[in-house]
Amino acid sequence: MNNIPGKTLTIEEAQGIATEALLQLSRDPEQIGRFLAFSGIGPEMIREAAGEPGFLAGVLEFYMMDEALLLAFCENAGIRPTMIAAARYALTGGPDAYA
C-alpha cells in the first residue's frame, strides 16, 4: 500500500483497502455480526452487496465509528488511520458526490 503524503488514492486502491477491511471483519464473528446489524443485510447477501456502489464505503464508515477496531485494522494492514477516511472519500466520489 502506498503511503505517499499528498498522493490521492485511486478508486482501485480505495477498493483494496475496503476489501481488506471487510475480510478482516469476516474473521471476527462478533464484529461481522455488528457490521451485518449496522448494514441491515444478512450473511448470505455480502457477496452481492459488495458489488453495490457505496457498500465498501459503508465498510469503512463502520470502522470509522469504532476507534479501537479502526486502529487494530490499520496496524494489521500497515496503513495510517487517515487512509481509511481517504479511501472512503475516494469511494464516495469525492467532492462532486456532495454537491
PDB file of N, CA and C in Angstrom:
ATOM      1  N   MET A   1       0.851  -1.175   0.000  1.00  0.00           N
ATOM      2  CA  MET A   1       0.000   0.000   0.000  1.00  0.00           C
ATOM      3  C   MET A   1       0.890   1.229   0.000  1.00  0.00           C
ATOM      4  N   ASN A   2       0.598   2.151  -0.876  1.00  0.00           N
ATOM      5  CA  ASN A   2       1.377   3.384  -0.943  1.00  0.00           C
ATOM      6  C   ASN A   2       0.935   4.326   0.154  1.00  0.00           C
ATOM      7  N   ASN A   3       1.891   4.843   0.893  1.00  0.00           N
ATOM      8  CA  ASN A   3       1.626   5.831   1.936  1.00  0.00           C
ATOM      9  C   ASN A   3       2.386   7.107   1.604  1.00  0.00           C
ATOM     10  N   ILE A   4       2.231   7.609   0.394  1.00  0.00           N
ATOM     11  CA  ILE A   4       2.944   8.785  -0.056  1.00  0.00           C
ATOM     12  C   ILE A   4       2.132  10.015   0.343  1.00  0.00           C
ATOM     13  N   PRO A   5       2.714  10.901   1.178  1.00  0.00           N
ATOM     14  CA  PRO A   5       1.981  12.096   1.586  1.00  0.00           C
ATOM     15  C   PRO A   5       1.545  12.916   0.375  1.00  0.00           C
ATOM     16  N   GLY A   6       0.305  13.407   0.400  1.00  0.00           N
ATOM     17  CA  GLY A   6      -0.211  14.238  -0.661  1.00  0.00           C
ATOM     18  C   GLY A   6      -0.720  13.478  -1.874  1.00  0.00           C
ATOM     19  N   LYS A   7      -0.545  12.170  -1.902  1.00  0.00           N
ATOM     20  CA  LYS A   7      -0.997  11.364  -3.032  1.00  0.00           C
ATOM     21  C   LYS A   7      -2.475  11.039  -2.852  1.00  0.00           C
ATOM     22  N   THR A   8      -3.250  11.225  -3.898  1.00  0.00           N
ATOM     23  CA  THR A   8      -4.664  10.894  -3.868  1.00  0.00           C
ATOM     24  C   THR A   8      -4.830   9.408  -4.172  1.00  0.00           C
ATOM     25  N   LEU A   9      -5.687   8.757  -3.409  1.00  0.00           N
ATOM     26  CA  LEU A   9      -5.954   7.342  -3.646  1.00  0.00           C
ATOM     27  C   LEU A   9      -6.772   7.160  -4.918  1.00  0.00           C
ATOM     28  N   THR A  10      -6.450   6.125  -5.645  1.00  0.00           N
ATOM     29  CA  THR A  10      -7.284   5.761  -6.790  1.00  0.00           C
ATOM     30  C   THR A  10      -8.476   4.961  -6.268  1.00  0.00           C
ATOM     31  N   ILE A  11      -9.486   4.828  -7.100  1.00  0.00           N
ATOM     32  CA  ILE A  11     -10.649   4.011  -6.735  1.00  0.00           C
ATOM     33  C   ILE A  11     -10.199   2.584  -6.445  1.00  0.00           C
ATOM     34  N   GLU A  12      -9.285   2.067  -7.246  1.00  0.00           N
ATOM     35  CA  GLU A  12      -8.811   0.691  -7.068  1.00  0.00           C
ATOM     36  C   GLU A  12      -8.096   0.519  -5.735  1.00  0.00           C
ATOM     37  N   GLU A  13      -7.285   1.497  -5.351  1.00  0.00           N
ATOM     38  CA  GLU A  13      -6.594   1.436  -4.060  1.00  0.00           C
ATOM     39  C   GLU A  13      -7.604   1.511  -2.914  1.00  0.00           C
ATOM     40  N   ALA A  14      -8.581   2.387  -3.054  1.00  0.00           N
ATOM     41  CA  ALA A  14      -9.619   2.522  -2.029  1.00  0.00           C
ATOM     42  C   ALA A  14     -10.422   1.234  -1.908  1.00  0.00           C
ATOM     43  N   GLN A  15     -10.758   0.627  -3.044  1.00  0.00           N
ATOM     44  CA  GLN A  15     -11.483  -0.642  -3.015  1.00  0.00           C
ATOM     45  C   GLN A  15     -10.641  -1.727  -2.351  1.00  0.00           C
ATOM     46  N   GLY A  16      -9.350  -1.710  -2.598  1.00  0.00           N
ATOM     47  CA  GLY A  16      -8.463  -2.684  -1.971  1.00  0.00           C
ATOM     48  C   GLY A  16      -8.445  -2.545  -0.463  1.00  0.00           C
ATOM     49  N   ILE A  17      -8.377  -1.318   0.031  1.00  0.00           N
ATOM     50  CA  ILE A  17      -8.396  -1.072   1.472  1.00  0.00           C
ATOM     51  C   ILE A  17      -9.717  -1.557   2.060  1.00  0.00           C
ATOM     52  N   ALA A  18     -10.824  -1.194   1.424  1.00  0.00           N
ATOM     53  CA  ALA A  18     -12.142  -1.579   1.935  1.00  0.00           C
ATOM     54  C   ALA A  18     -12.356  -3.084   1.880  1.00  0.00           C
ATOM     55  N   THR A  19     -11.862  -3.712   0.834  1.00  0.00           N
ATOM     56  CA  THR A  19     -12.000  -5.166   0.718  1.00  0.00           C
ATOM     57  C   THR A  19     -11.201  -5.860   1.813  1.00  0.00           C
ATOM     58  N   GLU A  20     -10.000  -5.384   2.071  1.00  0.00           N
ATOM     59  CA  GLU A  20      -9.191  -5.960   3.147  1.00  0.00           C
ATOM     60  C   GLU A  20      -9.875  -5.741   4.499  1.00  0.00           C
ATOM     61  N   ALA A  21     -10.497  -4.578   4.669  1.00  0.00           N
ATOM     62  CA  ALA A  21     -11.232  -4.296   5.907  1.00  0.00           C
ATOM     63  C   ALA A  21     -12.399  -5.268   6.076  1.00  0.00           C
ATOM     64  N   LEU A  22     -13.109  -5.532   4.986  1.00  0.00           N
ATOM     65  CA  LEU A  22     -14.220  -6.488   5.038  1.00  0.00           C
ATOM     66  C   LEU A  22     -13.718  -7.891   5.358  1.00  0.00           C
ATOM     67  N   LEU A  23     -12.601  -8.271   4.767  1.00  0.00           N
ATOM     68  CA  LEU A  23     -12.023  -9.589   5.059  1.00  0.00           C
ATOM     69  C   LEU A  23     -11.645  -9.710   6.522  1.00  0.00           C
ATOM     70  N   GLN A  24     -11.055  -8.650   7.077  1.00  0.00           N
ATOM     71  CA  GLN A  24     -10.694  -8.697   8.500  1.00  0.00           C
ATOM     72  C   GLN A  24     -11.948  -8.821   9.357  1.00  0.00           C
ATOM     73  N   LEU A  25     -13.001  -8.101   9.001  1.00  0.00           N
ATOM     74  CA  LEU A  25     -14.261  -8.219   9.745  1.00  0.00           C
ATOM     75  C   LEU A  25     -14.786  -9.649   9.709  1.00  0.00           C
ATOM     76  N   SER A  26     -14.686 -10.276   8.545  1.00  0.00           N
ATOM     77  CA  SER A  26     -15.241 -11.618   8.382  1.00  0.00           C
ATOM     78  C   SER A  26     -14.512 -12.655   9.234  1.00  0.00           C
ATOM     79  N   ARG A  27     -13.325 -12.338   9.679  1.00  0.00           N
ATOM     80  CA  ARG A  27     -12.562 -13.263  10.527  1.00  0.00           C
ATOM     81  C   ARG A  27     -12.937 -13.166  12.002  1.00  0.00           C
ATOM     82  N   ASP A  28     -13.757 -12.188  12.345  1.00  0.00           N
ATOM     83  CA  ASP A  28     -14.156 -11.965  13.735  1.00  0.00           C
ATOM     84  C   ASP A  28     -15.678 -12.063  13.832  1.00  0.00           C
ATOM     85  N   PRO A  29     -16.203 -13.185  14.334  1.00  0.00           N
ATOM     86  CA  PRO A  29     -17.662 -13.379  14.368  1.00  0.00           C
ATOM     87  C   PRO A  29     -18.424 -12.251  15.067  1.00  0.00           C
ATOM     88  N   GLU A  30     -17.878 -11.716  16.143  1.00  0.00           N
ATOM     89  CA  GLU A  30     -18.571 -10.639  16.853  1.00  0.00           C
ATOM     90  C   GLU A  30     -18.643  -9.379  15.997  1.00  0.00           C
ATOM     91  N   GLN A  31     -17.538  -9.021  15.371  1.00  0.00           N
ATOM     92  CA  GLN A  31     -17.506  -7.802  14.564  1.00  0.00           C
ATOM     93  C   GLN A  31     -18.326  -7.932  13.277  1.00  0.00           C
ATOM     94  N   ILE A  32     -18.272  -9.092  12.638  1.00  0.00           N
ATOM     95  CA  ILE A  32     -19.074  -9.240  11.416  1.00  0.00           C
ATOM     96  C   ILE A  32     -20.559  -9.200  11.763  1.00  0.00           C
ATOM     97  N   GLY A  33     -20.912  -9.733  12.935  1.00  0.00           N
ATOM     98  CA  GLY A  33     -22.298  -9.636  13.401  1.00  0.00           C
ATOM     99  C   GLY A  33     -22.726  -8.201  13.610  1.00  0.00           C
ATOM    100  N   ARG A  34     -21.859  -7.409  14.224  1.00  0.00           N
ATOM    101  CA  ARG A  34     -22.144  -5.981  14.418  1.00  0.00           C
ATOM    102  C   ARG A  34     -22.285  -5.279  13.077  1.00  0.00           C
ATOM    103  N   PHE A  35     -21.377  -5.608  12.154  1.00  0.00           N
ATOM    104  CA  PHE A  35     -21.428  -4.970  10.843  1.00  0.00           C
ATOM    105  C   PHE A  35     -22.711  -5.326  10.101  1.00  0.00           C
ATOM    106  N   LEU A  36     -23.098  -6.584  10.140  1.00  0.00           N
ATOM    107  CA  LEU A  36     -24.326  -7.002   9.460  1.00  0.00           C
ATOM    108  C   LEU A  36     -25.537  -6.297  10.050  1.00  0.00           C
ATOM    109  N   ALA A  37     -25.558  -6.151  11.369  1.00  0.00           N
ATOM    110  CA  ALA A  37     -26.659  -5.431  12.014  1.00  0.00           C
ATOM    111  C   ALA A  37     -26.642  -3.961  11.591  1.00  0.00           C
ATOM    112  N   PHE A  38     -25.455  -3.368  11.519  1.00  0.00           N
ATOM    113  CA  PHE A  38     -25.302  -1.972  11.099  1.00  0.00           C
ATOM    114  C   PHE A  38     -25.764  -1.775   9.654  1.00  0.00           C
ATOM    115  N   SER A  39     -25.384  -2.701   8.790  1.00  0.00           N
ATOM    116  CA  SER A  39     -25.685  -2.551   7.365  1.00  0.00           C
ATOM    117  C   SER A  39     -27.095  -3.014   7.004  1.00  0.00           C
ATOM    118  N   GLY A  40     -27.689  -3.845   7.863  1.00  0.00           N
ATOM    119  CA  GLY A  40     -29.038  -4.321   7.599  1.00  0.00           C
ATOM    120  C   GLY A  40     -29.119  -5.451   6.587  1.00  0.00           C
ATOM    121  N   ILE A  41     -28.007  -6.124   6.346  1.00  0.00           N
ATOM    122  CA  ILE A  41     -28.023  -7.253   5.417  1.00  0.00           C
ATOM    123  C   ILE A  41     -27.713  -8.540   6.161  1.00  0.00           C
ATOM    124  N   GLY A  42     -28.054  -9.655   5.542  1.00  0.00           N
ATOM    125  CA  GLY A  42     -27.756 -10.962   6.103  1.00  0.00           C
ATOM    126  C   GLY A  42     -26.437 -11.488   5.563  1.00  0.00           C
ATOM    127  N   PRO A  43     -25.861 -12.484   6.208  1.00  0.00           N
ATOM    128  CA  PRO A  43     -24.567 -13.018   5.776  1.00  0.00           C
ATOM    129  C   PRO A  43     -24.586 -13.545   4.347  1.00  0.00           C
ATOM    130  N   GLU A  44     -25.729 -14.047   3.918  1.00  0.00           N
ATOM    131  CA  GLU A  44     -25.823 -14.605   2.568  1.00  0.00           C
ATOM    132  C   GLU A  44     -25.822 -13.516   1.491  1.00  0.00           C
ATOM    133  N   MET A  45     -25.968 -12.280   1.893  1.00  0.00           N
ATOM    134  CA  MET A  45     -26.059 -11.175   0.944  1.00  0.00           C
ATOM    135  C   MET A  45     -24.757 -10.397   0.778  1.00  0.00           C
ATOM    136  N   ILE A  46     -23.711 -10.751   1.522  1.00  0.00           N
ATOM    137  CA  ILE A  46     -22.476  -9.964   1.492  1.00  0.00           C
ATOM    138  C   ILE A  46     -21.856  -9.921   0.102  1.00  0.00           C
ATOM    139  N   ARG A  47     -21.734 -11.067  -0.557  1.00  0.00           N
ATOM    140  CA  ARG A  47     -21.105 -11.076  -1.891  1.00  0.00           C
ATOM    141  C   ARG A  47     -21.853 -10.169  -2.865  1.00  0.00           C
ATOM    142  N   GLU A  48     -23.152 -10.276  -2.871  1.00  0.00           N
ATOM    143  CA  GLU A  48     -23.953  -9.445  -3.765  1.00  0.00           C
ATOM    144  C   GLU A  48     -23.837  -7.970  -3.399  1.00  0.00           C
ATOM    145  N   ALA A  49     -23.921  -7.677  -2.106  1.00  0.00           N
ATOM    146  CA  ALA A  49     -23.855  -6.291  -1.645  1.00  0.00           C
ATOM    147  C   ALA A  49     -22.495  -5.663  -1.938  1.00  0.00           C
ATOM    148  N   ALA A  50     -21.440  -6.460  -1.897  1.00  0.00           N
ATOM    149  CA  ALA A  50     -20.092  -5.934  -2.131  1.00  0.00           C
ATOM    150  C   ALA A  50     -19.952  -5.315  -3.517  1.00  0.00           C
ATOM    151  N   GLY A  51     -20.780  -5.707  -4.445  1.00  0.00           N
ATOM    152  CA  GLY A  51     -20.744  -5.139  -5.783  1.00  0.00           C
ATOM    153  C   GLY A  51     -21.543  -3.851  -5.924  1.00  0.00           C
ATOM    154  N   GLU A  52     -22.287  -3.500  -4.893  1.00  0.00           N
ATOM    155  CA  GLU A  52     -23.111  -2.299  -4.932  1.00  0.00           C
ATOM    156  C   GLU A  52     -22.271  -1.053  -4.624  1.00  0.00           C
ATOM    157  N   PRO A  53     -22.525   0.020  -5.361  1.00  0.00           N
ATOM    158  CA  PRO A  53     -21.818   1.261  -5.039  1.00  0.00           C
ATOM    159  C   PRO A  53     -22.161   1.673  -3.605  1.00  0.00           C
ATOM    160  N   GLY A  54     -21.211   2.082  -2.890  1.00  0.00           N
ATOM    161  CA  GLY A  54     -21.448   2.531  -1.521  1.00  0.00           C
ATOM    162  C   GLY A  54     -21.243   1.467  -0.464  1.00  0.00           C
ATOM    163  N   PHE A  55     -21.323   0.190  -0.817  1.00  0.00           N
ATOM    164  CA  PHE A  55     -21.167  -0.846   0.199  1.00  0.00           C
ATOM    165  C   PHE A  55     -19.772  -0.801   0.816  1.00  0.00           C
ATOM    166  N   LEU A  56     -18.750  -0.729  -0.017  1.00  0.00           N
ATOM    167  CA  LEU A  56     -17.391  -0.696   0.518  1.00  0.00           C
ATOM    168  C   LEU A  56     -17.144   0.578   1.323  1.00  0.00           C
ATOM    169  N   ALA A  57     -17.749   1.683   0.912  1.00  0.00           N
ATOM    170  CA  ALA A  57     -17.660   2.908   1.705  1.00  0.00           C
ATOM    171  C   ALA A  57     -18.320   2.694   3.062  1.00  0.00           C
ATOM    172  N   GLY A  58     -19.420   1.938   3.080  1.00  0.00           N
ATOM    173  CA  GLY A  58     -20.090   1.614   4.334  1.00  0.00           C
ATOM    174  C   GLY A  58     -19.230   0.772   5.255  1.00  0.00           C
ATOM    175  N   VAL A  59     -18.437  -0.117   4.672  1.00  0.00           N
ATOM    176  CA  VAL A  59     -17.495  -0.913   5.471  1.00  0.00           C
ATOM    177  C   VAL A  59     -16.517   0.025   6.175  1.00  0.00           C
ATOM    178  N   LEU A  60     -16.002   0.980   5.441  1.00  0.00           N
ATOM    179  CA  LEU A  60     -15.045   1.923   6.031  1.00  0.00           C
ATOM    180  C   LEU A  60     -15.709   2.818   7.063  1.00  0.00           C
ATOM    181  N   GLU A  61     -16.950   3.217   6.819  1.00  0.00           N
ATOM    182  CA  GLU A  61     -17.684   4.007   7.810  1.00  0.00           C
ATOM    183  C   GLU A  61     -17.857   3.229   9.108  1.00  0.00           C
ATOM    184  N   PHE A  62     -18.099   1.938   8.992  1.00  0.00           N
ATOM    185  CA  PHE A  62     -18.234   1.087  10.170  1.00  0.00           C
ATOM    186  C   PHE A  62     -16.955   1.136  11.005  1.00  0.00           C
ATOM    187  N   TYR A  63     -15.815   1.028  10.349  1.00  0.00           N
ATOM    188  CA  TYR A  63     -14.540   1.119  11.057  1.00  0.00           C
ATOM    189  C   TYR A  63     -14.348   2.493  11.691  1.00  0.00           C
ATOM    190  N   MET A  64     -14.764   3.522  10.991  1.00  0.00           N
ATOM    191  CA  MET A  64     -14.570   4.879  11.487  1.00  0.00           C
ATOM    192  C   MET A  64     -15.424   5.181  12.716  1.00  0.00           C
ATOM    193  N   MET A  65     -16.437   4.371  12.966  1.00  0.00           N
ATOM    194  CA  MET A  65     -17.292   4.548  14.141  1.00  0.00           C
ATOM    195  C   MET A  65     -16.696   3.919  15.394  1.00  0.00           C
ATOM    196  N   ASP A  66     -15.650   3.102  15.246  1.00  0.00           N
ATOM    197  CA  ASP A  66     -15.080   2.364  16.371  1.00  0.00           C
ATOM    198  C   ASP A  66     -13.555   2.512  16.333  1.00  0.00           C
ATOM    199  N   GLU A  67     -13.045   3.416  17.153  1.00  0.00           N
ATOM    200  CA  GLU A  67     -11.617   3.734  17.107  1.00  0.00           C
ATOM    201  C   GLU A  67     -10.729   2.520  17.364  1.00  0.00           C
ATOM    202  N   ALA A  68     -11.088   1.687  18.326  1.00  0.00           N
ATOM    203  CA  ALA A  68     -10.262   0.507  18.622  1.00  0.00           C
ATOM    204  C   ALA A  68     -10.223  -0.439  17.422  1.00  0.00           C
ATOM    205  N   LEU A  69     -11.357  -0.653  16.794  1.00  0.00           N
ATOM    206  CA  LEU A  69     -11.433  -1.508  15.609  1.00  0.00           C
ATOM    207  C   LEU A  69     -10.622  -0.902  14.467  1.00  0.00           C
ATOM    208  N   LEU A  70     -10.769   0.398  14.272  1.00  0.00           N
ATOM    209  CA  LEU A  70     -10.035   1.111  13.228  1.00  0.00           C
ATOM    210  C   LEU A  70      -8.529   0.977  13.424  1.00  0.00           C
ATOM    211  N   LEU A  71      -8.070   1.231  14.633  1.00  0.00           N
ATOM    212  CA  LEU A  71      -6.632   1.171  14.902  1.00  0.00           C
ATOM    213  C   LEU A  71      -6.082  -0.238  14.762  1.00  0.00           C
ATOM    214  N   ALA A  72      -6.850  -1.233  15.171  1.00  0.00           N
ATOM    215  CA  ALA A  72      -6.403  -2.627  15.026  1.00  0.00           C
ATOM    216  C   ALA A  72      -6.279  -2.990  13.552  1.00  0.00           C
ATOM    217  N   PHE A  73      -7.266  -2.585  12.745  1.00  0.00           N
ATOM    218  CA  PHE A  73      -7.192  -2.864  11.321  1.00  0.00           C
ATOM    219  C   PHE A  73      -5.983  -2.181  10.691  1.00  0.00           C
ATOM    220  N   CYS A  74      -5.797  -0.908  11.001  1.00  0.00           N
ATOM    221  CA  CYS A  74      -4.687  -0.162  10.407  1.00  0.00           C
ATOM    222  C   CYS A  74      -3.342  -0.767  10.781  1.00  0.00           C
ATOM    223  N   GLU A  75      -3.214  -1.205  12.014  1.00  0.00           N
ATOM    224  CA  GLU A  75      -1.964  -1.860  12.432  1.00  0.00           C
ATOM    225  C   GLU A  75      -1.747  -3.151  11.646  1.00  0.00           C
ATOM    226  N   ASN A  76      -2.792  -3.960  11.527  1.00  0.00           N
ATOM    227  CA  ASN A  76      -2.686  -5.225  10.785  1.00  0.00           C
ATOM    228  C   ASN A  76      -2.410  -5.003   9.303  1.00  0.00           C
ATOM    229  N   ALA A  77      -3.006  -3.955   8.734  1.00  0.00           N
ATOM    230  CA  ALA A  77      -2.860  -3.685   7.303  1.00  0.00           C
ATOM    231  C   ALA A  77      -1.618  -2.862   6.978  1.00  0.00           C
ATOM    232  N   GLY A  78      -1.005  -2.279   8.004  1.00  0.00           N
ATOM    233  CA  GLY A  78       0.182  -1.464   7.782  1.00  0.00           C
ATOM    234  C   GLY A  78      -0.112  -0.135   7.110  1.00  0.00           C
ATOM    235  N   ILE A  79      -1.267   0.451   7.444  1.00  0.00           N
ATOM    236  CA  ILE A  79      -1.628   1.750   6.867  1.00  0.00           C
ATOM    237  C   ILE A  79      -1.954   2.736   7.981  1.00  0.00           C
ATOM    238  N   ARG A  80      -1.910   4.021   7.645  1.00  0.00           N
ATOM    239  CA  ARG A  80      -2.267   5.071   8.605  1.00  0.00           C
ATOM    240  C   ARG A  80      -3.789   5.138   8.726  1.00  0.00           C
ATOM    241  N   PRO A  81      -4.296   5.465   9.896  1.00  0.00           N
ATOM    242  CA  PRO A  81      -5.749   5.602  10.063  1.00  0.00           C
ATOM    243  C   PRO A  81      -6.371   6.620   9.107  1.00  0.00           C
ATOM    244  N   THR A  82      -5.642   7.647   8.744  1.00  0.00           N
ATOM    245  CA  THR A  82      -6.187   8.646   7.820  1.00  0.00           C
ATOM    246  C   THR A  82      -6.457   8.057   6.438  1.00  0.00           C
ATOM    247  N   MET A  83      -5.822   6.938   6.136  1.00  0.00           N
ATOM    248  CA  MET A  83      -6.055   6.286   4.852  1.00  0.00           C
ATOM    249  C   MET A  83      -7.480   5.747   4.754  1.00  0.00           C
ATOM    250  N   ILE A  84      -8.069   5.403   5.879  1.00  0.00           N
ATOM    251  CA  ILE A  84      -9.453   4.910   5.870  1.00  0.00           C
ATOM    252  C   ILE A  84     -10.393   6.022   5.411  1.00  0.00           C
ATOM    253  N   ALA A  85     -10.207   7.216   5.968  1.00  0.00           N
ATOM    254  CA  ALA A  85     -11.037   8.347   5.559  1.00  0.00           C
ATOM    255  C   ALA A  85     -10.780   8.701   4.096  1.00  0.00           C
ATOM    256  N   ALA A  86      -9.528   8.655   3.678  1.00  0.00           N
ATOM    257  CA  ALA A  86      -9.200   8.961   2.284  1.00  0.00           C
ATOM    258  C   ALA A  86      -9.824   7.935   1.340  1.00  0.00           C
ATOM    259  N   ALA A  87      -9.805   6.677   1.734  1.00  0.00           N
ATOM    260  CA  ALA A  87     -10.403   5.629   0.906  1.00  0.00           C
ATOM    261  C   ALA A  87     -11.917   5.797   0.836  1.00  0.00           C
ATOM    262  N   ARG A  88     -12.533   6.120   1.941  1.00  0.00           N
ATOM    263  CA  ARG A  88     -13.982   6.350   1.943  1.00  0.00           C
ATOM    264  C   ARG A  88     -14.331   7.512   1.025  1.00  0.00           C
ATOM    265  N   TYR A  89     -13.547   8.571   1.105  1.00  0.00           N
ATOM    266  CA  TYR A  89     -13.747   9.743   0.263  1.00  0.00           C
ATOM    267  C   TYR A  89     -13.640   9.364  -1.216  1.00  0.00           C
ATOM    268  N   ALA A  90     -12.635   8.572  -1.551  1.00  0.00           N
ATOM    269  CA  ALA A  90     -12.451   8.145  -2.940  1.00  0.00           C
ATOM    270  C   ALA A  90     -13.634   7.288  -3.414  1.00  0.00           C
ATOM    271  N   LEU A  91     -14.127   6.433  -2.542  1.00  0.00           N
ATOM    272  CA  LEU A  91     -15.233   5.542  -2.912  1.00  0.00           C
ATOM    273  C   LEU A  91     -16.567   6.260  -3.059  1.00  0.00           C
ATOM    274  N   THR A  92     -16.714   7.383  -2.379  1.00  0.00           N
ATOM    275  CA  THR A  92     -17.980   8.103  -2.454  1.00  0.00           C
ATOM    276  C   THR A  92     -17.988   9.134  -3.569  1.00  0.00           C
ATOM    277  N   GLY A  93     -16.912   9.223  -4.319  1.00  0.00           N
ATOM    278  CA  GLY A  93     -16.886  10.107  -5.476  1.00  0.00           C
ATOM    279  C   GLY A  93     -16.290  11.470  -5.241  1.00  0.00           C
ATOM    280  N   GLY A  94     -15.705  11.693  -4.086  1.00  0.00           N
ATOM    281  CA  GLY A  94     -15.070  12.973  -3.812  1.00  0.00           C
ATOM    282  C   GLY A  94     -16.073  14.091  -3.646  1.00  0.00           C
ATOM    283  N   PRO A  95     -15.632  15.332  -3.843  1.00  0.00           N
ATOM    284  CA  PRO A  95     -16.496  16.476  -3.547  1.00  0.00           C
ATOM    285  C   PRO A  95     -17.732  16.570  -4.439  1.00  0.00           C
ATOM    286  N   ASP A  96     -17.667  16.030  -5.645  1.00  0.00           N
ATOM    287  CA  ASP A  96     -18.827  16.097  -6.539  1.00  0.00           C
ATOM    288  C   ASP A  96     -20.016  15.308  -6.012  1.00  0.00           C
ATOM    289  N   ALA A  97     -19.755  14.296  -5.184  1.00  0.00           N
ATOM    290  CA  ALA A  97     -20.830  13.469  -4.642  1.00  0.00           C
ATOM    291  C   ALA A  97     -21.645  14.216  -3.595  1.00  0.00           C
ATOM    292  N   TYR A  98     -21.118  15.330  -3.096  1.00  0.00           N
ATOM    293  CA  TYR A  98     -21.795  16.073  -2.038  1.00  0.00           C
ATOM    294  C   TYR A  98     -22.399  17.385  -2.526  1.00  0.00           C
ATOM    295  N   ALA A  99     -22.246  17.671  -3.803  1.00  0.00           N
ATOM    296  CA  ALA A  99     -22.735  18.949  -4.353  1.00  0.00           C
ATOM    297  C   ALA A  99     -24.244  18.913  -4.542  1.00  0.00           C
TER     298      ALA A  99
END
